[in-house]
Amino acid sequence: MLERRGIPRVLSIAGSDPSGGAGIQADLKSIAALGGYGMAAITALTAQNTRGVRAVHVPPASFLAQQLDAISEDITIDAVKIGMLGDAEVIKVVRDWLEKVRPAVVVLDPVMVATSGDRLLEESAEGALRELLHLADLITPNLVELALLLGEPQAPGWPEALQQGLRLSAATGATILVKGGHLDGGDCPDALVNSSGLLSKEVVELAGERVRTRNSHGTGCSLSSAMAAAQARLGDWEAALRQVKPWLAGALQASGQLEVGGGNGPIHHFHHTQPAPAEGEFAELLRQAAAPELEAIYRLEFIRDLGTGALSEGQFAYYLAQDAIYLNGYSRVLARASALAPTEAAQLFWARSAQQCLEVESELHRTWLSSRPAGAGLGPVTKSYVDHLLAASVSGSYGALVAAVLPCFWLYAEVGRTLHAEFVAAGAPAAHPYADWLRTYADEGFAQATREAIALADDAGRRASGDERAAMIAAFSQSCRFEVEFFDAPRLHS
């Protein structure tokens, strides 16, 4: 038999997905991504793609038994992940093999219903599956499957789901990974639940934000197999989840890069190991990420009226008052970027930009606002935007910070150039009340600073790991969304 050399050998017992996004194909990718050596025993063949399952073929259970015996008679198995089983006869083969081999780590993903809603386990086999649960160390149902295993209605919320997890743990003796992926809203927590004292406490919860993507094909398969590989290396379920959860979030965030299929696409299992982008490639990704928000900005009533000069003085005064508050916080964040920058040139650029916020750009605000009634205090959008930037500044990631501050350069330069071009095309009327603002953001000096900021962000993206690049895109996209809200805030305030 092979001797252990530090790389965990993880066996996936699951169905095959010819499109590569779920089943053993996803398992093998996840195991490799988490540092393991993957093996597979196939329980079922499916005809499926990103749009759904068309057919399922279950080979003779005796052939599965031969696969399992062939592997375990030759190779030491450090962990087993069990996925789609199909029918009761297959489940019996797996149960008999587990009782004979007794692997050290068994993770059971009770695949009963696909993300698409397709049924993947015969209803007649549900009883046999429940009899298998007591042989698992970790069970990873989604909320639908958790309810089915208990014979209860689906939990209406997170607290009820945790209680269902505790009941399933008490019934099986296993640790349950309760997953928040099917919850409504922006939060996506996960929790390890064990009622018998095997964890530091009954419920170990990890908070998380939902990744807005349709590319969720194979997420459950990938999570369970990644947990098996991480547990085999680390020997601690909580430590395993703390490693796997951010990896999975990054795989979801980067999933759009794959462009696979027309339905629910797969996640990007190897997002963290991708080669560095070529020069300008990461900046292009950011430009694509900004496109929807830039289009949204041009549709705003505030921007249209600002360009024509029809904007009310009250709305413009509110915008400038909020911008003055924003720039005060923005300058501090730019100073932090200077402190984290890896080169002297980058340090000098961010330091000059921070100084310019206070000395040059704020002058326009002071000149305009000094002769007019004071604007409102700190607005909710301004606060949220500045809080987002401050969070990026204390994250310790230079790349994420640079990406977060970039939209204030890039989107402003784009909008300023467009509005100024329309202003000039209209004959640059002297009576235009906001001509000074239009000239400020269409200035070649600001355009050059924007080009430098984009280049520095592109350089940071090329230096970053796959996980950090995903964090950069997320931080950049969030700032772009705040830019839209910032321009729309005066209308809502008036």
Protein backbone atom coordinates (compact mmCIF):
# COMPACT_ATOMS: atom_id res chain seq x y z
CA MET A 1 0.00 0.00 0.00
CA LEU A 2 1.14 3.59 -0.58
CA GLU A 3 2.75 5.25 2.42
CA ARG A 4 1.41 8.59 3.60
CA ARG A 5 3.66 11.53 2.64
CA GLY A 6 1.73 14.53 3.87
CA ILE A 7 -0.73 14.92 0.99
CA PRO A 8 -4.16 13.59 2.03
CA ARG A 9 -5.70 10.99 -0.24
CA VAL A 10 -9.39 11.70 -0.57
CA LEU A 11 -11.89 9.39 -2.24
CA SER A 12 -15.08 10.78 -3.74
CA ILE A 13 -17.98 8.35 -4.02
CA ALA A 14 -20.41 10.22 -6.22
CA GLY A 15 -22.09 10.63 -9.58
CA SER A 16 -20.53 11.98 -12.74
CA ASP A 17 -21.39 15.34 -14.30
CA PRO A 18 -20.29 15.47 -17.95
CA SER A 19 -20.40 19.28 -17.92
CA GLY A 20 -17.67 19.28 -15.26
CA GLY A 21 -19.34 21.56 -12.73
CA ALA A 22 -20.72 19.13 -10.15
CA GLY A 23 -20.34 15.52 -8.99
CA ILE A 24 -16.98 13.80 -9.06
CA GLN A 25 -15.60 16.34 -11.52
CA ALA A 26 -16.20 19.15 -9.02
CA ASP A 27 -14.99 16.94 -6.17
CA LEU A 28 -11.65 16.19 -7.82
CA LYS A 29 -11.08 19.88 -8.55
CA SER A 30 -11.96 20.86 -4.98
CA ILE A 31 -9.75 18.19 -3.44
CA ALA A 32 -6.81 19.33 -5.58
CA ALA A 33 -7.50 22.99 -4.79
CA LEU A 34 -7.37 22.21 -1.05
CA GLY A 35 -4.09 20.32 -1.33
CA GLY A 36 -5.29 16.72 -1.58
CA TYR A 37 -4.92 13.81 -3.98
CA GLY A 38 -8.33 12.98 -5.39
CA MET A 39 -9.77 9.58 -6.31
CA ALA A 40 -13.26 8.67 -7.48
CA ALA A 41 -15.66 5.76 -7.45
CA ILE A 42 -18.61 6.47 -9.73
CA THR A 43 -22.10 5.71 -8.45
CA ALA A 44 -24.15 7.12 -11.30
CA LEU A 45 -23.84 8.62 -14.75
CA THR A 46 -25.90 11.69 -15.54
CA ALA A 47 -26.81 13.49 -18.72
CA GLN A 48 -26.75 17.09 -17.54
CA ASN A 49 -25.40 20.54 -18.19
CA THR A 50 -25.65 23.94 -16.52
CA ARG A 51 -29.37 24.08 -17.33
CA GLY A 52 -30.43 20.86 -15.63
CA VAL A 53 -30.39 17.07 -15.44
CA ARG A 54 -31.81 15.19 -18.43
CA ALA A 55 -31.23 11.57 -17.43
CA VAL A 56 -29.58 9.42 -14.76
CA HIS A 57 -28.08 5.94 -15.31
CA VAL A 58 -27.07 3.87 -12.28
CA PRO A 59 -24.57 1.10 -13.16
CA PRO A 60 -24.84 -2.21 -11.29
CA ALA A 61 -24.13 -1.78 -7.61
CA SER A 62 -21.78 -4.76 -7.80
CA PHE A 63 -19.51 -2.72 -10.09
CA LEU A 64 -19.38 0.08 -7.51
CA ALA A 65 -18.34 -2.50 -4.92
CA GLN A 66 -15.51 -3.58 -7.23
CA GLN A 67 -14.35 0.03 -7.63
CA LEU A 68 -14.30 0.58 -3.87
CA ASP A 69 -12.47 -2.65 -3.12
CA ALA A 70 -9.89 -2.03 -5.84
CA ILE A 71 -9.03 1.36 -4.36
CA SER A 72 -9.01 0.45 -0.67
CA GLU A 73 -7.00 -2.75 -1.17
CA ASP A 74 -4.14 -0.74 -2.69
CA ILE A 75 -4.28 2.81 -1.34
CA THR A 76 -4.58 4.22 2.16
CA ILE A 77 -7.64 6.47 2.14
CA ASP A 78 -7.37 9.45 4.49
CA ALA A 79 -10.86 10.82 3.87
CA VAL A 80 -14.03 9.91 2.02
CA LYS A 81 -16.60 12.24 0.56
CA ILE A 82 -19.95 10.67 -0.33
CA GLY A 83 -22.23 12.44 -2.78
CA MET A 84 -24.94 11.24 -5.15
CA LEU A 85 -25.93 7.61 -4.45
CA GLY A 86 -29.05 7.23 -6.55
CA ASP A 87 -30.85 4.21 -5.09
CA ALA A 88 -31.07 1.91 -2.07
CA GLU A 89 -28.88 -0.84 -3.53
CA VAL A 90 -26.01 1.59 -4.10
CA ILE A 91 -26.42 2.96 -0.58
CA LYS A 92 -26.16 -0.57 0.86
CA VAL A 93 -22.89 -1.19 -1.01
CA VAL A 94 -21.42 2.04 0.35
CA ARG A 95 -22.62 1.27 3.89
CA ASP A 96 -21.13 -2.23 3.84
CA TRP A 97 -17.82 -0.89 2.51
CA LEU A 98 -17.62 1.87 5.14
CA GLU A 99 -18.24 -0.62 7.94
CA LYS A 100 -15.47 -2.83 6.56
CA VAL A 101 -12.83 -0.17 5.79
CA ARG A 102 -13.62 2.38 8.52
CA PRO A 103 -12.05 5.50 6.94
CA ALA A 104 -10.78 8.12 9.40
CA VAL A 105 -12.86 10.96 7.90
CA VAL A 106 -16.27 10.52 6.26
CA VAL A 107 -18.12 13.51 4.85
CA LEU A 108 -21.63 12.81 3.59
CA ASP A 109 -23.33 15.25 1.25
CA PRO A 110 -26.89 13.88 1.12
CA VAL A 111 -27.49 14.68 -2.53
CA MET A 112 -31.23 14.51 -2.89
CA VAL A 113 -32.20 17.63 -4.84
CA ALA A 114 -30.00 19.55 -7.33
CA THR A 115 -29.69 23.34 -7.31
CA SER A 116 -31.89 23.30 -10.44
CA GLY A 117 -34.61 21.49 -8.45
CA ASP A 118 -34.09 18.14 -10.17
CA ARG A 119 -34.55 15.04 -7.98
CA LEU A 120 -31.27 13.08 -7.68
CA LEU A 121 -32.29 10.37 -5.18
CA GLU A 122 -35.20 7.99 -5.56
CA GLU A 123 -37.79 8.64 -2.87
CA SER A 124 -37.78 4.91 -2.05
CA ALA A 125 -34.10 5.26 -1.09
CA GLU A 126 -34.55 8.01 1.51
CA GLY A 127 -34.90 5.49 4.34
CA ALA A 128 -31.69 3.73 3.31
CA LEU A 129 -29.88 7.07 3.19
CA ARG A 130 -30.98 7.88 6.74
CA GLU A 131 -29.49 4.56 7.90
CA LEU A 132 -26.15 5.66 6.40
CA LEU A 133 -25.99 8.93 8.35
CA HIS A 134 -24.60 7.41 11.56
CA LEU A 135 -21.45 6.35 9.68
CA ALA A 136 -20.60 9.96 8.74
CA ASP A 137 -18.42 12.36 10.70
CA LEU A 138 -19.77 15.42 8.89
CA ILE A 139 -23.10 15.76 7.05
CA THR A 140 -23.55 18.72 4.70
CA PRO A 141 -27.21 19.07 3.64
CA ASN A 142 -28.68 22.17 2.07
CA LEU A 143 -31.78 23.53 3.83
CA VAL A 144 -34.15 21.49 1.64
CA GLU A 145 -32.24 18.27 2.32
CA LEU A 146 -31.91 19.05 6.03
CA ALA A 147 -35.69 19.22 6.29
CA LEU A 148 -36.16 16.05 4.22
CA LEU A 149 -33.77 14.07 6.43
CA LEU A 150 -35.76 15.10 9.50
CA GLY A 151 -39.16 14.67 7.87
CA GLU A 152 -39.97 18.30 8.67
CA PRO A 153 -40.93 21.40 6.70
CA GLN A 154 -38.04 23.52 5.45
CA ALA A 155 -36.76 25.96 8.05
CA PRO A 156 -38.16 29.46 7.42
CA GLY A 157 -35.01 31.19 8.71
CA TRP A 158 -31.50 30.77 10.07
CA PRO A 159 -32.35 30.19 13.78
CA GLU A 160 -34.79 27.44 12.83
CA ALA A 161 -32.20 25.88 10.50
CA LEU A 162 -29.68 25.75 13.36
CA GLN A 163 -32.24 23.99 15.54
CA GLN A 164 -32.87 21.46 12.78
CA GLY A 165 -29.11 20.92 12.58
CA LEU A 166 -28.97 20.22 16.32
CA ARG A 167 -31.80 17.70 16.01
CA LEU A 168 -30.11 15.91 13.13
CA SER A 169 -26.82 15.84 15.05
CA ALA A 170 -28.54 14.35 18.09
CA ALA A 171 -30.18 11.69 15.92
CA THR A 172 -27.01 10.69 14.06
CA GLY A 173 -24.08 11.55 16.34
CA ALA A 174 -22.47 13.42 13.44
CA THR A 175 -21.43 17.04 13.10
CA ILE A 176 -23.80 18.90 10.77
CA LEU A 177 -22.70 21.70 8.48
CA VAL A 178 -25.77 23.93 8.27
CA LYS A 179 -25.46 26.04 5.13
CA GLY A 180 -27.08 29.42 4.54
CA GLY A 181 -26.87 29.38 0.77
CA HIS A 182 -30.65 28.97 0.34
CA LEU A 183 -31.55 31.78 2.74
CA ASP A 184 -33.08 35.00 1.48
CA GLY A 185 -31.20 38.27 1.84
CA GLY A 186 -27.58 39.36 1.63
CA ASP A 187 -26.16 37.24 4.44
CA CYS A 188 -24.80 33.75 3.81
CA PRO A 189 -23.70 32.21 7.12
CA ASP A 190 -22.53 28.65 7.67
CA ALA A 191 -22.40 26.78 10.97
CA LEU A 192 -20.92 23.59 12.35
CA VAL A 193 -23.43 22.03 14.72
CA ASN A 194 -22.81 19.16 17.13
CA SER A 195 -24.94 18.22 20.13
CA SER A 196 -22.49 15.75 21.69
CA GLY A 197 -19.59 18.01 22.67
CA LEU A 198 -17.21 17.26 19.80
CA LEU A 199 -16.83 20.96 18.96
CA SER A 200 -15.71 23.88 21.15
CA LYS A 201 -19.42 24.72 21.48
CA GLU A 202 -22.68 23.34 20.14
CA VAL A 203 -22.87 25.86 17.29
CA VAL A 204 -19.75 27.30 15.64
CA GLU A 205 -21.02 29.95 13.24
CA LEU A 206 -19.11 31.74 10.49
CA ALA A 207 -20.70 34.84 9.04
CA GLY A 208 -20.50 35.56 5.34
CA GLU A 209 -21.94 37.74 2.59
CA ARG A 210 -23.86 36.31 -0.31
CA VAL A 211 -21.98 36.37 -3.60
CA ARG A 212 -24.38 37.64 -6.24
CA THR A 213 -23.89 35.21 -9.11
CA ARG A 214 -25.95 32.68 -11.05
CA ASN A 215 -22.90 30.41 -11.23
CA SER A 216 -23.68 28.09 -8.33
CA HIS A 217 -23.62 24.75 -10.17
CA GLY A 218 -21.83 22.19 -8.00
CA THR A 219 -21.41 24.43 -4.96
CA GLY A 220 -22.58 21.76 -2.51
CA CYS A 221 -20.38 19.07 -4.05
CA SER A 222 -17.38 21.37 -3.99
CA LEU A 223 -17.92 22.44 -0.39
CA SER A 224 -18.25 18.92 0.99
CA SER A 225 -15.22 17.53 -0.85
CA ALA A 226 -13.14 20.56 0.10
CA MET A 227 -14.10 19.99 3.74
CA ALA A 228 -12.98 16.36 3.49
CA ALA A 229 -9.58 17.37 2.11
CA ALA A 230 -9.10 20.19 4.63
CA GLN A 231 -10.13 18.00 7.58
CA ALA A 232 -7.70 15.27 6.50
CA ARG A 233 -4.90 17.86 6.56
CA LEU A 234 -5.90 19.89 9.61
CA GLY A 235 -7.75 17.44 11.85
CA ASP A 236 -10.16 20.14 13.05
CA TRP A 237 -13.58 20.84 11.59
CA GLU A 238 -13.65 24.50 12.60
CA ALA A 239 -10.19 25.13 11.15
CA ALA A 240 -11.27 23.31 8.00
CA LEU A 241 -14.36 25.47 7.56
CA ARG A 242 -12.37 28.66 8.19
CA GLN A 243 -10.14 27.68 5.29
CA VAL A 244 -12.83 26.36 2.96
CA LYS A 245 -15.45 29.10 3.33
CA PRO A 246 -13.32 31.98 1.95
CA TRP A 247 -11.99 29.69 -0.77
CA LEU A 248 -15.54 28.91 -1.85
CA ALA A 249 -16.52 32.60 -1.74
CA GLY A 250 -13.58 33.39 -4.00
CA ALA A 251 -14.56 30.57 -6.34
CA LEU A 252 -18.06 32.04 -6.63
CA GLN A 253 -16.75 35.60 -7.09
CA ALA A 254 -14.42 34.50 -9.89
CA SER A 255 -16.93 32.15 -11.54
CA GLY A 256 -17.82 34.62 -14.29
CA GLN A 257 -14.30 34.32 -15.69
CA LEU A 258 -15.06 30.76 -16.85
CA GLU A 259 -17.99 31.60 -19.17
CA VAL A 260 -19.29 28.01 -19.14
CA GLY A 261 -22.85 27.24 -20.20
CA GLY A 262 -26.04 29.22 -20.52
CA GLY A 263 -27.62 28.23 -17.18
CA ASN A 264 -26.21 28.03 -13.66
CA GLY A 265 -22.51 27.94 -14.45
CA PRO A 266 -19.80 26.27 -12.36
CA ILE A 267 -17.64 27.89 -9.72
CA HIS A 268 -13.96 28.66 -10.39
CA HIS A 269 -12.20 26.02 -8.28
CA PHE A 270 -8.69 27.20 -9.13
CA HIS A 271 -9.27 30.94 -8.88
CA HIS A 272 -6.49 31.18 -6.31
CA THR A 273 -3.87 29.52 -8.52
CA GLN A 274 -4.37 31.41 -11.76
CA PRO A 275 -1.29 32.87 -13.50
CA ALA A 276 -0.78 36.59 -13.14
CA PRO A 277 -2.73 38.62 -15.72
CA ALA A 278 -0.83 40.27 -18.55
CA GLU A 279 -0.30 44.02 -18.36
CA GLY A 280 -3.62 45.80 -18.76
CA GLU A 281 -5.66 42.59 -18.45
CA PHE A 282 -6.74 43.14 -14.85
CA ALA A 283 -7.62 46.76 -15.56
CA GLU A 284 -9.85 45.51 -18.37
CA LEU A 285 -11.63 43.19 -15.91
CA LEU A 286 -12.25 46.19 -13.68
CA ARG A 287 -13.50 48.24 -16.62
CA GLN A 288 -16.00 45.50 -17.46
CA ALA A 289 -17.08 45.35 -13.82
CA ALA A 290 -17.72 49.11 -13.84
CA ALA A 291 -19.76 49.17 -17.05
CA PRO A 292 -23.24 48.59 -15.52
CA GLU A 293 -22.72 51.27 -12.87
CA LEU A 294 -21.37 53.76 -15.40
CA GLU A 295 -24.46 53.23 -17.54
CA ALA A 296 -26.62 53.68 -14.45
CA ILE A 297 -24.89 56.97 -13.64
CA TYR A 298 -25.65 58.40 -17.08
CA ARG A 299 -29.32 57.54 -16.59
CA LEU A 300 -29.54 59.52 -13.35
CA GLU A 301 -31.61 62.68 -13.37
CA PHE A 302 -28.90 64.43 -11.33
CA ILE A 303 -26.24 63.79 -14.00
CA ARG A 304 -28.47 64.75 -16.91
CA ASP A 305 -29.48 68.02 -15.25
CA LEU A 306 -25.90 68.72 -14.16
CA GLY A 307 -24.76 68.42 -17.77
CA THR A 308 -27.43 70.75 -19.12
CA GLY A 309 -27.23 73.19 -16.21
CA ALA A 310 -30.84 72.57 -15.24
CA LEU A 311 -29.90 71.05 -11.88
CA SER A 312 -31.37 72.94 -8.93
CA GLU A 313 -28.90 74.88 -6.82
CA GLY A 314 -30.15 73.08 -3.71
CA GLN A 315 -29.32 69.65 -5.11
CA PHE A 316 -25.88 70.78 -6.25
CA ALA A 317 -25.17 72.35 -2.86
CA TYR A 318 -26.14 69.10 -1.12
CA TYR A 319 -23.92 67.13 -3.48
CA LEU A 320 -20.94 69.42 -2.86
CA ALA A 321 -21.47 69.40 0.91
CA GLN A 322 -21.47 65.59 0.90
CA ASP A 323 -18.48 65.53 -1.45
CA ALA A 324 -16.51 67.77 0.90
CA ILE A 325 -17.19 65.35 3.76
CA TYR A 326 -16.36 62.41 1.54
CA LEU A 327 -13.06 63.89 0.34
CA ASN A 328 -11.94 64.41 3.92
CA GLY A 329 -12.26 60.69 4.56
CA TYR A 330 -11.02 59.81 1.08
CA SER A 331 -7.79 61.75 1.64
CA ARG A 332 -7.04 59.68 4.76
CA VAL A 333 -7.65 56.46 2.85
CA LEU A 334 -5.33 57.61 0.05
CA ALA A 335 -2.66 58.35 2.67
CA ARG A 336 -3.07 54.76 3.88
CA ALA A 337 -2.60 53.53 0.29
CA SER A 338 0.64 55.51 0.20
CA ALA A 339 1.81 53.79 3.37
CA LEU A 340 1.05 50.32 1.97
CA ALA A 341 2.33 50.92 -1.58
CA PRO A 342 5.12 48.57 -2.66
CA THR A 343 7.12 51.10 -4.69
CA GLU A 344 8.34 54.64 -4.16
CA ALA A 345 6.53 55.86 -7.27
CA ALA A 346 3.23 54.46 -5.98
CA GLN A 347 3.83 55.94 -2.53
CA LEU A 348 4.40 59.39 -4.05
CA PHE A 349 1.34 59.16 -6.29
CA TRP A 350 -1.08 58.26 -3.51
CA ALA A 351 0.45 60.85 -1.16
CA ARG A 352 0.07 63.60 -3.80
CA SER A 353 -3.51 62.48 -4.45
CA ALA A 354 -4.32 62.69 -0.74
CA GLN A 355 -2.88 66.20 -0.58
CA GLN A 356 -4.76 67.27 -3.69
CA CYS A 357 -8.06 66.17 -2.16
CA LEU A 358 -7.57 68.65 0.65
CA GLU A 359 -5.83 71.51 -1.14
CA VAL A 360 -7.15 71.63 -4.70
CA GLU A 361 -10.42 69.81 -5.15
CA SER A 362 -11.86 70.98 -1.83
CA GLU A 363 -11.28 74.60 -2.92
CA LEU A 364 -14.17 74.32 -5.35
CA HIS A 365 -16.40 73.14 -2.52
CA ARG A 366 -15.31 75.93 -0.21
CA THR A 367 -15.75 78.60 -2.90
CA TRP A 368 -19.22 77.45 -3.81
CA LEU A 369 -20.51 76.66 -0.34
CA SER A 370 -19.09 79.73 1.42
CA SER A 371 -21.63 82.02 -0.27
CA ARG A 372 -24.58 79.68 0.17
CA PRO A 373 -26.49 78.11 3.07
CA ALA A 374 -24.68 75.20 4.70
CA GLY A 375 -25.66 71.80 3.37
CA ALA A 376 -26.95 68.92 5.43
CA GLY A 377 -24.71 66.95 7.75
CA LEU A 378 -23.25 63.55 6.99
CA GLY A 379 -25.67 61.72 4.69
CA PRO A 380 -26.31 57.96 4.90
CA VAL A 381 -24.79 57.21 1.49
CA THR A 382 -21.70 59.27 2.25
CA LYS A 383 -21.26 57.47 5.56
CA SER A 384 -21.65 54.04 4.00
CA TYR A 385 -19.22 54.86 1.21
CA VAL A 386 -16.56 56.23 3.56
CA ASP A 387 -17.05 53.28 5.93
CA HIS A 388 -16.47 50.92 3.00
CA LEU A 389 -13.23 52.72 2.11
CA LEU A 390 -12.05 52.75 5.71
CA ALA A 391 -12.73 49.01 5.98
CA ALA A 392 -10.61 48.46 2.87
CA SER A 393 -7.85 50.61 4.38
CA VAL A 394 -7.58 48.44 7.49
CA SER A 395 -7.88 45.11 5.65
CA GLY A 396 -4.12 44.95 5.23
CA SER A 397 -4.50 44.40 1.47
CA TYR A 398 -2.92 47.11 -0.66
CA GLY A 399 -4.66 45.67 -3.73
CA ALA A 400 -8.15 45.75 -2.19
CA LEU A 401 -7.57 49.31 -0.98
CA VAL A 402 -6.39 50.55 -4.38
CA ALA A 403 -9.36 48.88 -6.07
CA ALA A 404 -11.76 50.49 -3.58
CA VAL A 405 -10.46 54.04 -4.20
CA LEU A 406 -10.18 53.68 -7.98
CA PRO A 407 -13.83 54.43 -8.96
CA CYS A 408 -13.55 57.94 -7.52
CA PHE A 409 -10.86 58.53 -10.13
CA TRP A 410 -12.14 56.41 -12.99
CA LEU A 411 -15.89 57.02 -12.94
CA TYR A 412 -15.47 60.72 -12.20
CA ALA A 413 -13.05 61.09 -15.11
CA GLU A 414 -15.41 59.25 -17.45
CA VAL A 415 -18.47 61.23 -16.39
CA GLY A 416 -16.59 64.53 -16.29
CA ARG A 417 -15.17 64.03 -19.77
CA THR A 418 -18.58 63.14 -21.20
CA LEU A 419 -20.41 66.04 -19.59
CA HIS A 420 -17.67 68.50 -20.53
CA ALA A 421 -17.79 67.33 -24.15
CA GLU A 422 -21.56 67.96 -24.18
CA PHE A 423 -20.94 71.37 -22.57
CA VAL A 424 -18.43 72.30 -25.29
CA ALA A 425 -20.71 70.96 -28.03
CA ALA A 426 -23.41 73.27 -26.71
CA GLY A 427 -21.06 76.23 -27.18
CA ALA A 428 -19.73 76.33 -23.59
CA PRO A 429 -22.43 78.78 -22.51
CA ALA A 430 -21.10 81.33 -20.03
CA ALA A 431 -24.37 81.17 -18.13
CA HIS A 432 -23.94 77.48 -17.29
CA PRO A 433 -23.97 77.50 -13.48
CA TYR A 434 -21.75 74.44 -13.07
CA ALA A 435 -19.09 75.14 -15.67
CA ASP A 436 -16.30 75.19 -13.09
CA TRP A 437 -17.20 71.67 -11.90
CA LEU A 438 -17.31 70.38 -15.47
CA ARG A 439 -13.89 71.87 -16.23
CA THR A 440 -12.38 70.46 -13.02
CA TYR A 441 -13.17 66.84 -13.78
CA ALA A 442 -12.44 67.15 -17.52
CA ASP A 443 -9.01 68.65 -16.77
CA GLU A 444 -6.08 66.84 -18.40
CA GLY A 445 -4.26 66.80 -15.07
CA PHE A 446 -7.09 64.79 -13.51
CA ALA A 447 -7.25 62.54 -16.58
CA GLN A 448 -3.52 61.83 -16.25
CA ALA A 449 -3.93 61.08 -12.53
CA THR A 450 -6.73 58.69 -13.42
CA ARG A 451 -4.54 56.88 -15.93
CA GLU A 452 -1.83 56.52 -13.27
CA ALA A 453 -4.35 55.20 -10.72
CA ILE A 454 -5.64 52.63 -13.22
CA ALA A 455 -2.07 51.53 -14.00
CA LEU A 456 -1.27 51.15 -10.29
CA ALA A 457 -4.43 49.10 -9.75
CA ASP A 458 -3.55 46.93 -12.73
CA ASP A 459 -0.05 46.42 -11.32
CA ALA A 460 -1.48 45.51 -7.91
CA GLY A 461 -3.81 43.00 -9.58
CA ARG A 462 -0.92 41.37 -11.44
CA ARG A 463 1.07 41.07 -8.19
CA ALA A 464 -1.90 39.72 -6.19
CA SER A 465 -2.92 36.15 -5.47
CA GLY A 466 -6.10 34.78 -7.00
CA ASP A 467 -7.99 35.34 -3.74
CA GLU A 468 -6.76 38.92 -3.47
CA ARG A 469 -7.71 39.65 -7.09
CA ALA A 470 -11.21 38.42 -6.30
CA ALA A 471 -11.26 40.69 -3.24
CA MET A 472 -10.08 43.59 -5.41
CA ILE A 473 -12.89 43.09 -7.91
CA ALA A 474 -15.42 42.88 -5.05
CA ALA A 475 -14.09 46.08 -3.41
CA PHE A 476 -14.02 47.91 -6.75
CA SER A 477 -17.56 46.83 -7.65
CA GLN A 478 -18.90 47.91 -4.27
CA SER A 479 -17.32 51.36 -4.67
CA CYS A 480 -18.85 51.63 -8.15
CA ARG A 481 -22.28 50.92 -6.66
CA PHE A 482 -21.68 53.59 -4.02
CA GLU A 483 -20.77 56.08 -6.77
CA VAL A 484 -24.20 55.56 -8.35
CA GLU A 485 -25.92 56.03 -4.99
CA PHE A 486 -23.78 59.09 -4.22
CA PHE A 487 -24.84 60.85 -7.44
CA ASP A 488 -28.47 59.94 -6.81
CA ALA A 489 -28.51 61.03 -3.15
CA PRO A 490 -29.23 64.77 -3.84
CA ARG A 491 -32.46 63.84 -5.63
CA LEU A 492 -33.58 61.69 -2.71
CA HIS A 493 -32.62 64.39 -0.22
CA SER A 494 -34.48 67.22 -1.99
